[in-house]
Structures are given as structure tokens and as C-alpha cells.
Amino acid sequence: MPKNDDSNIVSDLPEDWERCHAFMEKKKRFCRQQRASDSSYCGNHQHLATTINTKRKRVPCPLDSSHLVFEDSIEKHVLVCPKATKQKDQERQFFYQSNINAGGHGMLVESARSIDLTRAKRLAQRIVSVHVQIFGGGTSFAGINEATELLDLSEPEMTKGLPEAIAVHRIRSGGYRHVLQQASLLGHLRRIGAYQTTTKRRRLIELGAGRGMSGLIMAAASSGSGVTTDLILVERSGSRGKADKILRTFTTKETTYPFDLKSVSWKRVQCDIAHVDLVSLLNHHPRYNDAHQMSEDSTDELVVVAKHLCGVGSDLALKSLYPIRSRVTACIFATCCHGVCSWNGYVGRDYLRKAVQTEELPFGEAEFDLVRKWAGAVVMEPTIDGSDDDEGDDNRHYTSPGNDKNDLLKSVSITAVADGLDCGTRGLSRACQRLIDYGRREYIHQILGNASDLNVEMLRYTPDEITPQNTALIGYRKSLSPLSSGVKRTANSMSESI
């Protein structure tokens, strides 16, 4: 498609196109927003117009960079900006505590030395070596990729009729690949024994819920088995096509798969996980009045799930569980977007540093920045062929960390440092991902599980062709009765002395 000098302006507009003329390169389509009056562009793309009043400069809103405002009107705009209004509304909520889950876990160590290409290559070699120590396998891409066991449990759910139930109830789950991922995660909840009992109330929390389809499907499977089920969806952003409408208007239809939402009690919480106090949220759930709040010795089951919670969001979610760690029956975190993790927010700082650093090669923020940057390369692949996703939610995860302003990071790119490694760039990238998740695994084991109360597993829950972001961290009470041991290989801990 031919373009003008501005990459966002495309000369070949679709026939009879009446919407915004801006072409969005990442989405490979035109913006679908309504045009502003007397303009070819919507409000967000007015900066592309060639006929607008050039005397007034538009700049990103300081509260929400997704829209532009006139530079000379910023002071007035911030008083009425919808972002500010939402923020004030959130701060008034009973569960809101500013940055209660921020800060990660472990010592904040900054490296004193600069990292040149030679030292970066030594770090890359060390990453591959440590990966072999922890996970086994070889140093080739296949050896690294397959060192983490693949345990796809989607087939039983698919065979029992989960896709049919989703289709019959007209649930836009995101497409076939999403259903396979959701089915496998649900299968793992069954495997570890988290869905066995039918006598206790089950409380399901989805963190970073997005539209909430994963939580909806897991709640429907729970309630369909005759278990009283509560669902809490936590998401910072507004989202179209939410599960909320389905939950409000659900009508039971006959299917072979036990699927019920009519009796599910649910709540959506729109707030950044960084500020959500789960103790307050759980104790004030509509199911619980003053006479029956959830206490430390509650017999209710509490299951926490997070599917593709980006970057530091996974760390915020893990840290949010700390105050309620004794209540959690099971948790599953399907991680993604390691390239946008943050050293300050990372919960595995102590564990990753202990595993990687040597006397000659310290490990701190600068080294972590390289590791998280390199971790993004394995998912920078062409769009998966044959996808029938109706929402394309996963596509936003197949991205790099973005344009790094740090010249140091540019000079030690993964292509430069992987030269000479058997695993190549993709193998190094995968090793970086696994080690970042290893630190999180240790946090679940050592901190949330007190090193003894939880069984903790790290595995691939779906094949690479379904999604390259396919690692799951699973923690569950040793008091549960797993249907099978499941995982044959697990990561070796290097954190006993921490």
C-alpha cells in the first residue's frame, strides 16, 4: 500500500471511507474513529493534518499520552481530563492504596561499571550457562526451548465440548488459539486438584483481566460443576467486548460441557494492580457482609489466575498476593512481555542475582536491563498463519520493548552479543525469558509459599505455534490432591541461602 512521507498517511484510502485517514502501521489498518468536523482525522490524529492551525501546537496530554491537547491549554485541560476524573474516582475506592504492590522484592543493586560489548557478551554466555544449570537441556535453541517441559492439557477440555459451549453462548473468547490456551490453563487447575471439591465456595480472581474472558470461562466451568463461585476481575483499563455483558445477561443453554454463569457472583474492579489491596477487596466482596468476612481460617477456596499479564504487571500481581498468601489455594500466572519488565518492580531480584552474578560479573539494574531487552527477541516473529482470532488480543504481546533511548542498550543488541553462541539470538532470548520467570518462581516458592507450604511448577502450557509466550508459573497448596504429578522436570533452585 503506497504511503506518503509520513508513515501514518496512506494515499490509497478504502472506497467510501468516512472515518479517520490515519493509517496505523502496527495494526496494518486505518484508524476507525470518527473524523473531527472539518478535518480528515480524528482528535487523536489531528497532528497529521496539513490544514490545521499551525500557530497552536498539539502535545500529548501529561496525564494520558493516548490523546493530544493544545500546548497553551494544558493547565485547563488537566482539570477536566477524563484520566484525572477516573484517577480521583479510583482513589476514593475502599480497596485503593497507592502503590501498595509496587517496589518488587529484594535488594536494589546498581552496577558501578559501564557495560561494553565485551562485558555484554560475557553476560550472554553466563545467561546460557546458568540456564543449563537450572533447567538442564543443551545450549542450542532447541535445547533451551525444550528444557522447560511442555504439558498441554487443552485436549480433555476441548473434547468435552468447551468450544461448543463458548459458541452456543455466543462468547467472543478471542478465537481458537485463545480457547486452546484457556482450556490448557483450566486443565492445569483440574490437574493440581484446585477444581475437585464441590462442597466449598470457590472464589476466583483474574488479575490483569482485560476483557475478562479467561476468568469468565474458568468461572463457568467451576459453577457448571455445581460449585458456588465468585468471580473478581481486576483490570486497569476500560475494554470493549467485555465479559461483563455476558455475565449480566447469561441464559443457560444445553451443552455437553458443564457451563454455567447464571449463579456466578461477580465484580469488575477497574484499577491498576499496583494500587489494589486484595485484603480489603476480598473482605468487602458482596458475598461477604460484616458477619461473614473472609478470615485467615476461611474454608473457602481462593484461586488466582493471570493470563498474559504484561511485563511488570506480573510482578505487581505476584506481590499483591503477599498479604493474602495464607488464603490462596492455587495460582496460575501465564507470563508475557518480558521486554517491558522493570528492575524496580521485579519480585525476583535476589534470586536472579544470586543465580547469575560472579565475582567478575556483578548483576544489577544495568545487567537486568540488558536481559529484559534481549528477552523480547524470541517473540519478534511474523504473524502466526492461520489465526482466526476475532480480537487479536495476543498480537499485542508479539512486540519488542520499543525504541530504547539508552545508547548503551542499542550498542549491545542481542544480534551483537549472540554472535558465536550455539543457541543464536532466539535461544539467548528464550533463556532470558526463562531466567526472569525463574526469579518469579522462586518468589512464589520462598515468599508466598514460605519455602514449604506450596508446590511450585514452571512449565510450557501450550505449544510455541499457539503462542510463543507460553510459560506458566503454577503454585498450589500441598494439601490439595493432584490428579497426577504432571511435571516430570522442574527448575533447580539456587536460592537456598537467601
Protein backbone atom coordinates (compact mmCIF):
# COMPACT_ATOMS: atom_id res chain seq x y z
CA MET A 1 0.00 0.00 0.00
CA PRO A 2 1.68 3.27 -1.10
CA LYS A 3 2.42 5.84 1.57
CA ASN A 4 3.30 9.50 1.73
CA ASP A 5 6.39 10.71 3.54
CA ASP A 6 4.52 10.44 6.83
CA SER A 7 4.29 6.71 7.53
CA ASN A 8 0.86 7.25 9.10
CA ILE A 9 -0.69 8.74 5.97
CA VAL A 10 -1.65 6.36 3.18
CA SER A 11 -2.77 7.61 -0.22
CA ASP A 12 -4.94 4.59 -1.07
CA LEU A 13 -7.99 5.03 1.14
CA PRO A 14 -10.67 2.32 1.03
CA GLU A 15 -13.59 3.17 -1.20
CA ASP A 16 -16.22 5.34 0.52
CA TRP A 17 -14.08 5.54 3.67
CA GLU A 18 -15.63 8.10 6.02
CA ARG A 19 -13.51 7.54 9.11
CA CYS A 20 -10.13 8.93 10.17
CA HIS A 21 -7.50 8.94 7.38
CA ALA A 22 -4.60 7.93 9.64
CA PHE A 23 -3.01 4.57 8.82
CA MET A 24 -1.79 2.67 11.90
CA GLU A 25 1.36 0.83 10.90
CA LYS A 26 1.37 -1.65 13.80
CA LYS A 27 -2.24 -2.69 13.23
CA LYS A 28 -1.94 -2.56 9.42
CA ARG A 29 -5.24 -0.74 9.04
CA PHE A 30 -6.81 2.70 9.09
CA CYS A 31 -7.99 4.29 12.31
CA ARG A 32 -11.70 3.62 12.73
CA GLN A 33 -12.52 6.67 14.83
CA GLN A 34 -14.94 9.31 13.60
CA ARG A 35 -13.33 12.29 11.91
CA ALA A 36 -13.45 15.63 13.65
CA SER A 37 -15.57 18.27 11.94
CA ASP A 38 -13.80 20.00 9.05
CA SER A 39 -10.91 17.53 9.23
CA SER A 40 -9.79 14.25 7.69
CA TYR A 41 -8.58 12.99 11.06
CA CYS A 42 -9.95 12.10 14.48
CA GLY A 43 -8.93 14.04 17.57
CA ASN A 44 -6.03 11.69 18.31
CA HIS A 45 -4.53 12.15 14.84
CA GLN A 46 -5.04 15.88 14.30
CA HIS A 47 -1.27 16.32 14.36
CA LEU A 48 -1.18 14.64 10.92
CA ALA A 49 -3.46 17.22 9.34
CA THR A 50 -1.76 19.66 6.98
CA THR A 51 -4.50 22.29 7.11
CA ILE A 52 -4.87 22.77 10.86
CA ASN A 53 -3.89 25.97 12.57
CA THR A 54 -0.12 25.61 12.89
CA LYS A 55 0.09 28.50 15.34
CA ARG A 56 -1.19 26.25 18.14
CA LYS A 57 0.97 23.24 18.88
CA ARG A 58 -0.58 19.92 19.95
CA VAL A 59 1.28 17.83 22.53
CA PRO A 60 0.48 14.59 24.40
CA CYS A 61 -1.67 15.08 27.47
CA PRO A 62 0.60 14.86 30.56
CA LEU A 63 -1.97 12.63 32.29
CA ASP A 64 -2.78 10.34 29.37
CA SER A 65 -0.48 10.25 26.34
CA SER A 66 -3.14 8.49 24.23
CA HIS A 67 -4.64 11.86 23.28
CA LEU A 68 -3.31 15.27 22.28
CA VAL A 69 -4.10 18.71 23.64
CA PHE A 70 -3.10 22.24 22.71
CA GLU A 71 0.10 23.16 24.49
CA ASP A 72 -1.29 26.50 25.59
CA SER A 73 -4.34 24.80 27.17
CA ILE A 74 -2.64 22.14 29.29
CA GLU A 75 -3.36 23.82 32.63
CA LYS A 76 -7.09 23.99 31.88
CA HIS A 77 -7.21 20.53 30.32
CA VAL A 78 -5.71 18.63 33.25
CA LEU A 79 -8.56 19.87 35.44
CA VAL A 80 -11.20 18.24 33.23
CA CYS A 81 -9.24 15.39 31.63
CA PRO A 82 -11.18 12.09 31.89
CA LYS A 83 -7.98 10.45 33.10
CA ALA A 84 -7.87 12.76 36.13
CA THR A 85 -11.54 12.14 36.87
CA LYS A 86 -11.05 8.38 36.74
CA GLN A 87 -7.99 8.63 38.97
CA LYS A 88 -9.93 10.58 41.60
CA ASP A 89 -12.76 8.05 41.45
CA GLN A 90 -10.30 5.19 41.94
CA GLU A 91 -8.61 6.86 44.90
CA ARG A 92 -11.97 7.00 46.67
CA GLN A 93 -12.47 3.23 46.40
CA PHE A 94 -12.17 1.24 49.65
CA PHE A 95 -9.53 -1.10 48.17
CA TYR A 96 -7.25 1.67 46.86
CA GLN A 97 -3.84 2.10 48.49
CA SER A 98 -1.34 3.99 46.38
CA ASN A 99 1.49 1.75 45.14
CA ILE A 100 0.82 -0.90 47.79
CA ASN A 101 2.10 -3.59 45.40
CA ALA A 102 4.93 -1.60 43.80
CA GLY A 103 8.63 -1.90 44.54
CA GLY A 104 9.23 -5.54 43.71
CA HIS A 105 11.16 -7.71 46.16
CA GLY A 106 14.82 -7.93 47.05
CA MET A 107 17.83 -5.64 47.20
CA LEU A 108 18.13 -2.84 44.67
CA VAL A 109 21.67 -3.14 43.36
CA GLU A 110 23.08 -0.77 40.77
CA SER A 111 26.14 -1.73 38.77
CA ALA A 112 29.04 0.68 39.11
CA ARG A 113 30.70 -0.26 35.83
CA SER A 114 29.56 0.58 32.34
CA ILE A 115 28.69 -2.36 30.12
CA ASP A 116 30.61 -2.50 26.88
CA LEU A 117 30.15 -5.10 24.16
CA THR A 118 32.81 -7.42 25.61
CA ARG A 119 31.17 -7.47 29.02
CA ALA A 120 27.73 -7.86 27.46
CA LYS A 121 28.94 -10.96 25.61
CA ARG A 122 30.22 -12.40 28.90
CA LEU A 123 26.80 -11.76 30.40
CA ALA A 124 25.12 -13.53 27.48
CA GLN A 125 27.40 -16.54 27.89
CA ARG A 126 26.66 -16.57 31.61
CA ILE A 127 22.90 -16.47 30.95
CA VAL A 128 23.11 -19.57 28.76
CA SER A 129 25.35 -21.36 31.28
CA VAL A 130 23.02 -20.59 34.21
CA HIS A 131 20.02 -21.71 32.18
CA VAL A 132 21.63 -25.12 31.74
CA GLN A 133 22.40 -25.32 35.48
CA ILE A 134 18.82 -24.53 36.46
CA PHE A 135 16.76 -26.16 33.73
CA GLY A 136 19.10 -28.71 32.16
CA GLY A 137 18.99 -29.23 28.42
CA GLY A 138 21.65 -28.13 25.97
CA THR A 139 22.95 -24.84 24.64
CA SER A 140 21.20 -24.94 21.26
CA PHE A 141 17.89 -23.17 20.71
CA ALA A 142 16.02 -26.47 20.84
CA GLY A 143 17.91 -27.50 23.97
CA ILE A 144 17.00 -24.26 25.73
CA ASN A 145 13.42 -24.10 24.46
CA GLU A 146 12.58 -27.71 25.33
CA ALA A 147 14.33 -27.71 28.72
CA THR A 148 11.10 -26.36 30.17
CA GLU A 149 8.58 -29.17 29.91
CA LEU A 150 5.58 -28.87 27.61
CA LEU A 151 2.38 -30.03 29.31
CA ASP A 152 -0.59 -29.04 27.16
CA LEU A 153 -3.84 -30.07 28.88
CA SER A 154 -6.24 -28.45 26.43
CA GLU A 155 -7.42 -31.67 24.74
CA PRO A 156 -9.66 -33.00 27.56
CA GLU A 157 -11.49 -29.67 27.82
CA MET A 158 -11.82 -29.38 24.05
CA THR A 159 -13.05 -32.97 23.75
CA LYS A 160 -15.65 -32.44 26.48
CA GLY A 161 -17.13 -29.60 24.43
CA LEU A 162 -15.69 -26.32 25.69
CA PRO A 163 -15.57 -24.75 22.17
CA GLU A 164 -19.20 -25.77 21.61
CA ALA A 165 -20.28 -24.20 24.91
CA ILE A 166 -18.46 -20.98 24.03
CA ALA A 167 -20.04 -20.89 20.57
CA VAL A 168 -23.57 -21.75 21.75
CA HIS A 169 -23.49 -18.96 24.31
CA ARG A 170 -22.02 -16.56 21.73
CA ILE A 171 -18.98 -15.72 23.80
CA ARG A 172 -16.25 -13.87 21.90
CA SER A 173 -13.38 -15.56 23.67
CA GLY A 174 -10.75 -14.21 21.28
CA GLY A 175 -10.52 -17.04 18.76
CA TYR A 176 -9.41 -20.65 18.60
CA ARG A 177 -5.85 -20.07 19.82
CA HIS A 178 -7.17 -18.28 22.89
CA VAL A 179 -9.57 -21.13 23.64
CA LEU A 180 -6.70 -23.63 23.45
CA GLN A 181 -4.70 -21.58 25.95
CA GLN A 182 -7.66 -21.10 28.28
CA ALA A 183 -8.51 -24.80 28.05
CA SER A 184 -4.96 -25.82 28.98
CA LEU A 185 -4.83 -23.46 31.97
CA LEU A 186 -8.21 -24.77 33.10
CA GLY A 187 -6.90 -28.30 32.65
CA HIS A 188 -3.97 -27.50 34.93
CA LEU A 189 -6.35 -26.21 37.62
CA ARG A 190 -8.10 -29.58 37.45
CA ARG A 191 -4.78 -31.48 37.44
CA ILE A 192 -3.48 -29.86 40.62
CA GLY A 193 -6.77 -30.51 42.42
CA ALA A 194 -7.96 -26.89 42.59
CA TYR A 195 -11.31 -27.80 40.98
CA GLN A 196 -12.01 -31.07 42.79
CA THR A 197 -14.19 -30.13 45.75
CA THR A 198 -17.88 -29.30 45.31
CA THR A 199 -18.63 -28.50 48.95
CA LYS A 200 -16.72 -25.21 49.36
CA ARG A 201 -17.35 -21.80 47.88
CA ARG A 202 -14.74 -21.06 45.22
CA ARG A 203 -13.50 -17.53 44.79
CA LEU A 204 -11.75 -16.83 41.50
CA ILE A 205 -9.69 -13.67 40.91
CA GLU A 206 -8.37 -12.79 37.46
CA LEU A 207 -5.62 -10.18 37.65
CA GLY A 208 -4.94 -8.11 34.54
CA ALA A 209 -8.23 -9.45 33.24
CA GLY A 210 -8.57 -7.34 30.11
CA ARG A 211 -11.97 -8.25 28.68
CA GLY A 212 -12.21 -10.97 31.34
CA MET A 213 -12.78 -13.94 29.05
CA SER A 214 -10.32 -16.27 30.79
CA GLY A 215 -11.90 -15.61 34.17
CA LEU A 216 -15.36 -15.99 32.67
CA ILE A 217 -14.58 -19.41 31.18
CA MET A 218 -12.93 -20.67 34.37
CA ALA A 219 -15.83 -19.40 36.49
CA ALA A 220 -18.35 -21.03 34.14
CA ALA A 221 -16.54 -24.37 34.38
CA SER A 222 -16.46 -24.09 38.18
CA SER A 223 -20.11 -23.12 38.54
CA GLY A 224 -21.12 -25.69 35.94
CA SER A 225 -19.77 -28.38 38.26
CA GLY A 226 -22.16 -27.29 40.99
CA VAL A 227 -19.71 -25.14 42.98
CA THR A 228 -20.82 -21.79 44.38
CA THR A 229 -18.47 -19.44 42.54
CA ASP A 230 -17.47 -15.80 42.97
CA LEU A 231 -15.51 -14.02 40.23
CA ILE A 232 -13.48 -10.82 40.64
CA LEU A 233 -11.97 -9.23 37.52
CA VAL A 234 -9.17 -6.71 38.13
CA GLU A 235 -8.09 -4.56 35.17
CA ARG A 236 -6.73 -1.02 34.98
CA SER A 237 -8.07 -0.19 31.52
CA GLY A 238 -11.50 0.05 30.04
CA SER A 239 -12.09 -2.61 27.41
CA ARG A 240 -14.56 -3.24 24.62
CA GLY A 241 -16.42 -6.52 24.29
CA LYS A 242 -16.07 -7.24 27.99
CA ALA A 243 -17.25 -10.39 29.73
CA ASP A 244 -19.46 -8.16 31.87
CA LYS A 245 -22.33 -8.12 29.37
CA ILE A 246 -22.28 -11.91 29.14
CA LEU A 247 -22.27 -12.22 32.92
CA ARG A 248 -25.21 -9.81 33.22
CA THR A 249 -27.37 -11.36 30.50
CA PHE A 250 -26.34 -15.03 30.57
CA THR A 251 -29.05 -17.54 29.75
CA THR A 252 -28.26 -21.21 30.25
CA LYS A 253 -28.36 -23.29 27.08
CA GLU A 254 -27.96 -27.03 26.85
CA THR A 255 -24.43 -28.19 26.01
CA THR A 256 -22.39 -31.31 26.66
CA TYR A 257 -19.87 -29.23 28.62
CA PRO A 258 -20.86 -28.24 32.20
CA PHE A 259 -21.00 -24.47 31.69
CA ASP A 260 -22.94 -22.07 33.92
CA LEU A 261 -22.68 -18.37 34.69
CA LYS A 262 -26.17 -17.66 35.93
CA SER A 263 -25.31 -18.34 39.56
CA VAL A 264 -21.84 -16.72 39.48
CA SER A 265 -21.46 -13.67 41.71
CA TRP A 266 -19.08 -11.28 40.00
CA LYS A 267 -17.43 -7.88 40.27
CA ARG A 268 -15.16 -5.88 37.97
CA VAL A 269 -12.55 -3.66 39.59
CA GLN A 270 -11.06 -1.01 37.29
CA CYS A 271 -7.78 -0.07 38.91
CA ASP A 272 -4.06 -0.58 38.35
CA ILE A 273 -2.93 -3.67 40.27
CA ALA A 274 -0.23 -1.52 41.83
CA HIS A 275 -2.89 0.13 43.98
CA VAL A 276 -5.27 -2.77 44.78
CA ASP A 277 -5.34 -4.01 48.37
CA LEU A 278 -6.66 -7.56 47.96
CA VAL A 279 -7.32 -7.93 51.70
CA SER A 280 -9.86 -5.10 51.59
CA LEU A 281 -11.24 -6.24 48.27
CA LEU A 282 -11.88 -9.79 49.46
CA ASN A 283 -13.31 -8.81 52.81
CA HIS A 284 -15.81 -6.44 51.23
CA HIS A 285 -16.96 -8.68 48.40
CA PRO A 286 -20.81 -8.62 48.05
CA ARG A 287 -20.96 -12.26 49.16
CA TYR A 288 -19.43 -11.24 52.47
CA ASN A 289 -21.13 -8.96 54.98
CA ASP A 290 -19.78 -7.89 58.36
CA ALA A 291 -20.88 -11.16 59.93
CA HIS A 292 -19.14 -13.32 57.36
CA GLN A 293 -15.90 -11.80 56.18
CA MET A 294 -13.17 -13.96 54.73
CA SER A 295 -10.75 -14.72 57.54
CA GLU A 296 -7.39 -16.46 57.77
CA ASP A 297 -9.08 -19.76 58.64
CA SER A 298 -11.77 -19.47 55.99
CA THR A 299 -12.62 -22.77 54.34
CA ASP A 300 -13.36 -21.07 51.03
CA GLU A 301 -11.09 -21.86 48.11
CA LEU A 302 -9.25 -18.92 46.56
CA VAL A 303 -7.87 -19.38 43.05
CA VAL A 304 -5.90 -16.61 41.31
CA VAL A 305 -5.21 -16.57 37.56
CA ALA A 306 -3.43 -14.16 35.24
CA LYS A 307 -3.15 -14.89 31.53
CA HIS A 308 -0.61 -12.82 29.61
CA LEU A 309 -0.26 -10.06 32.16
CA CYS A 310 2.39 -7.89 30.54
CA GLY A 311 5.86 -7.28 31.92
CA VAL A 312 5.92 -5.71 35.37
CA GLY A 313 2.19 -6.40 35.68
CA SER A 314 3.04 -10.00 36.57
CA ASP A 315 5.32 -8.76 39.36
CA LEU A 316 2.68 -6.39 40.71
CA ALA A 317 0.17 -9.25 40.68
CA LEU A 318 2.53 -11.63 42.48
CA LYS A 319 3.31 -9.05 45.14
CA SER A 320 -0.40 -8.32 45.60
CA LEU A 321 -0.81 -11.91 46.82
CA TYR A 322 1.63 -11.50 49.71
CA PRO A 323 -0.90 -10.16 52.27
CA ILE A 324 -3.34 -12.98 51.39
CA ARG A 325 -0.74 -15.71 50.80
CA SER A 326 -2.17 -17.98 53.51
CA ARG A 327 -5.59 -17.85 51.86
CA VAL A 328 -4.54 -18.71 48.30
CA THR A 329 -5.41 -22.28 47.34
CA ALA A 330 -3.81 -22.12 43.90
CA CYS A 331 -2.46 -19.60 41.43
CA ILE A 332 -1.53 -19.73 37.76
CA PHE A 333 0.44 -16.97 36.04
CA ALA A 334 0.94 -17.17 32.27
CA THR A 335 3.67 -14.55 31.79
CA CYS A 336 4.49 -12.44 28.77
CA CYS A 337 6.20 -9.27 27.51
CA HIS A 338 9.41 -9.81 29.46
CA GLY A 339 10.96 -6.98 27.45
CA VAL A 340 8.93 -4.40 29.38
CA CYS A 341 9.78 -5.70 32.84
CA SER A 342 11.29 -3.31 35.38
CA TRP A 343 14.17 -3.87 37.80
CA ASN A 344 12.47 -1.69 40.40
CA GLY A 345 9.25 -3.68 40.14
CA TYR A 346 10.71 -7.17 39.69
CA VAL A 347 9.99 -9.62 42.54
CA GLY A 348 12.87 -11.97 41.68
CA ARG A 349 15.80 -9.58 42.14
CA ASP A 350 17.61 -11.54 44.86
CA TYR A 351 17.06 -14.91 43.20
CA LEU A 352 18.15 -13.89 39.72
CA ARG A 353 21.17 -12.01 41.04
CA LYS A 354 22.28 -14.99 43.15
CA ALA A 355 21.96 -17.28 40.13
CA VAL A 356 23.76 -15.09 37.59
CA GLN A 357 26.38 -12.94 39.30
CA THR A 358 30.01 -13.92 39.82
CA GLU A 359 32.94 -12.06 41.37
CA GLU A 360 33.96 -10.85 37.93
CA LEU A 361 30.41 -10.22 36.69
CA PRO A 362 28.11 -8.44 39.15
CA PHE A 363 24.40 -8.34 38.43
CA GLY A 364 22.28 -5.25 39.00
CA GLU A 365 19.93 -2.89 37.21
CA ALA A 366 22.13 -2.35 34.15
CA GLU A 367 22.55 -6.09 33.57
CA PHE A 368 18.84 -6.72 34.13
CA ASP A 369 18.02 -4.04 31.55
CA LEU A 370 20.04 -5.99 29.00
CA VAL A 371 18.43 -9.30 29.96
CA ARG A 372 14.88 -7.96 29.72
CA LYS A 373 15.72 -6.27 26.38
CA TRP A 374 17.17 -9.48 24.96
CA ALA A 375 14.12 -11.38 26.22
CA GLY A 376 11.92 -9.62 23.67
CA ALA A 377 13.64 -11.03 20.57
CA VAL A 378 12.11 -14.52 20.58
CA VAL A 379 8.59 -13.15 20.07
CA MET A 380 9.52 -10.77 17.27
CA GLU A 381 8.32 -13.31 14.74
CA PRO A 382 6.00 -12.95 11.75
CA THR A 383 2.27 -13.10 12.50
CA ILE A 384 1.17 -16.68 13.05
CA ASP A 385 -0.52 -18.03 9.93
CA GLY A 386 -3.99 -19.46 10.04
CA SER A 387 -5.13 -17.38 13.00
CA ASP A 388 -8.85 -16.91 13.26
CA ASP A 389 -8.74 -14.65 16.28
CA ASP A 390 -11.63 -12.24 16.24
CA GLU A 391 -10.00 -9.83 18.65
CA GLY A 392 -6.28 -10.34 18.10
CA ASP A 393 -5.54 -9.83 21.79
CA ASP A 394 -2.38 -11.91 21.62
CA ASN A 395 -0.92 -9.85 18.81
CA ARG A 396 -0.15 -7.01 21.19
CA HIS A 397 2.22 -9.37 23.02
CA TYR A 398 4.38 -10.10 19.96
CA THR A 399 6.28 -6.86 20.34
CA SER A 400 9.74 -5.67 21.18
CA PRO A 401 10.47 -3.45 24.18
CA GLY A 402 10.21 -0.45 21.87
CA ASN A 403 12.79 2.12 20.87
CA ASP A 404 15.32 2.28 23.67
CA LYS A 405 16.65 5.77 24.27
CA ASN A 406 19.63 4.27 26.06
CA ASP A 407 22.56 4.29 23.61
CA LEU A 408 24.27 1.60 25.70
CA LEU A 409 21.42 -0.85 25.11
CA LYS A 410 21.49 -0.11 21.38
CA SER A 411 25.22 -0.83 21.18
CA VAL A 412 24.89 -4.23 22.86
CA SER A 413 21.92 -5.57 20.92
CA ILE A 414 21.10 -9.25 21.04
CA THR A 415 22.37 -9.72 17.49
CA ALA A 416 25.79 -8.45 18.51
CA VAL A 417 26.12 -10.43 21.73
CA ALA A 418 24.67 -13.70 20.39
CA ASP A 419 27.32 -13.98 17.71
CA GLY A 420 29.16 -17.22 18.40
CA LEU A 421 26.55 -18.72 20.72
CA ASP A 422 25.16 -22.13 19.70
CA CYS A 423 21.64 -21.00 20.56
CA GLY A 424 21.66 -17.86 18.42
CA THR A 425 19.53 -14.82 19.16
CA ARG A 426 16.31 -16.78 19.70
CA GLY A 427 17.95 -19.18 22.12
CA LEU A 428 19.51 -16.38 24.16
CA SER A 429 16.19 -14.57 24.16
CA ARG A 430 14.36 -17.66 25.39
CA ALA A 431 16.97 -18.23 28.11
CA CYS A 432 16.49 -14.64 29.30
CA GLN A 433 12.73 -15.15 29.47
CA ARG A 434 13.10 -18.36 31.44
CA LEU A 435 15.51 -16.82 33.95
CA ILE A 436 13.23 -13.83 34.55
CA ASP A 437 10.41 -16.29 35.23
CA TYR A 438 12.74 -18.40 37.38
CA GLY A 439 13.12 -15.41 39.72
CA ARG A 440 9.34 -15.17 39.92
CA ARG A 441 9.06 -18.90 40.54
CA GLU A 442 11.43 -18.56 43.48
CA TYR A 443 9.38 -15.67 44.85
CA ILE A 444 6.26 -17.86 44.80
CA HIS A 445 8.15 -20.70 46.48
CA GLN A 446 10.20 -18.76 49.02
CA ILE A 447 7.92 -15.83 49.88
CA LEU A 448 4.33 -16.71 49.02
CA GLY A 449 4.81 -20.36 49.98
CA ASN A 450 7.27 -19.80 52.83
CA ALA A 451 9.56 -22.35 51.11
CA SER A 452 7.39 -25.25 52.29
CA ASP A 453 3.65 -24.64 52.00
CA LEU A 454 3.30 -24.61 48.21
CA ASN A 455 4.13 -26.92 45.36
CA VAL A 456 5.52 -24.70 42.61
CA GLU A 457 5.88 -25.61 38.94
CA MET A 458 7.20 -23.83 35.89
CA LEU A 459 6.20 -25.28 32.54
CA ARG A 460 5.07 -24.60 29.00
CA TYR A 461 1.29 -24.91 28.97
CA THR A 462 0.80 -24.67 25.20
CA PRO A 463 2.99 -25.23 22.10
CA ASP A 464 5.06 -22.41 20.60
CA GLU A 465 2.90 -22.33 17.48
CA ILE A 466 -0.14 -21.40 19.59
CA THR A 467 1.75 -18.60 21.34
CA PRO A 468 5.49 -18.07 21.89
CA GLN A 469 4.58 -16.57 25.28
CA ASN A 470 3.77 -19.97 26.72
CA THR A 471 5.33 -20.23 30.19
CA ALA A 472 3.08 -20.80 33.20
CA LEU A 473 4.04 -20.46 36.86
CA ILE A 474 1.78 -22.64 39.00
CA GLY A 475 1.59 -22.68 42.78
CA TYR A 476 -0.79 -24.80 44.83
CA ARG A 477 -1.26 -25.96 48.40
CA LYS A 478 0.35 -29.24 49.34
CA SER A 479 -2.96 -30.11 51.00
CA LEU A 480 -4.59 -30.42 47.57
CA SER A 481 -4.89 -33.83 45.94
CA PRO A 482 -3.45 -33.55 42.42
CA LEU A 483 -4.94 -35.85 39.81
CA SER A 484 -1.42 -36.53 38.54
CA SER A 485 2.11 -35.41 39.29
CA GLY A 486 2.14 -33.84 35.84
CA VAL A 487 5.51 -32.15 35.63
CA LYS A 488 8.43 -34.53 35.21
CA ARG A 489 11.13 -31.86 35.05
CA THR A 490 11.33 -28.74 37.16
CA ALA A 491 13.77 -25.90 37.74
CA ASN A 492 16.60 -26.43 40.20
CA SER A 493 16.59 -23.81 42.95
CA MET A 494 19.76 -21.80 43.52
CA SER A 495 18.23 -19.74 46.35
CA GLU A 496 18.52 -21.84 49.50
CA SER A 497 20.76 -19.36 51.29
CA ILE A 498 18.70 -16.26 50.53
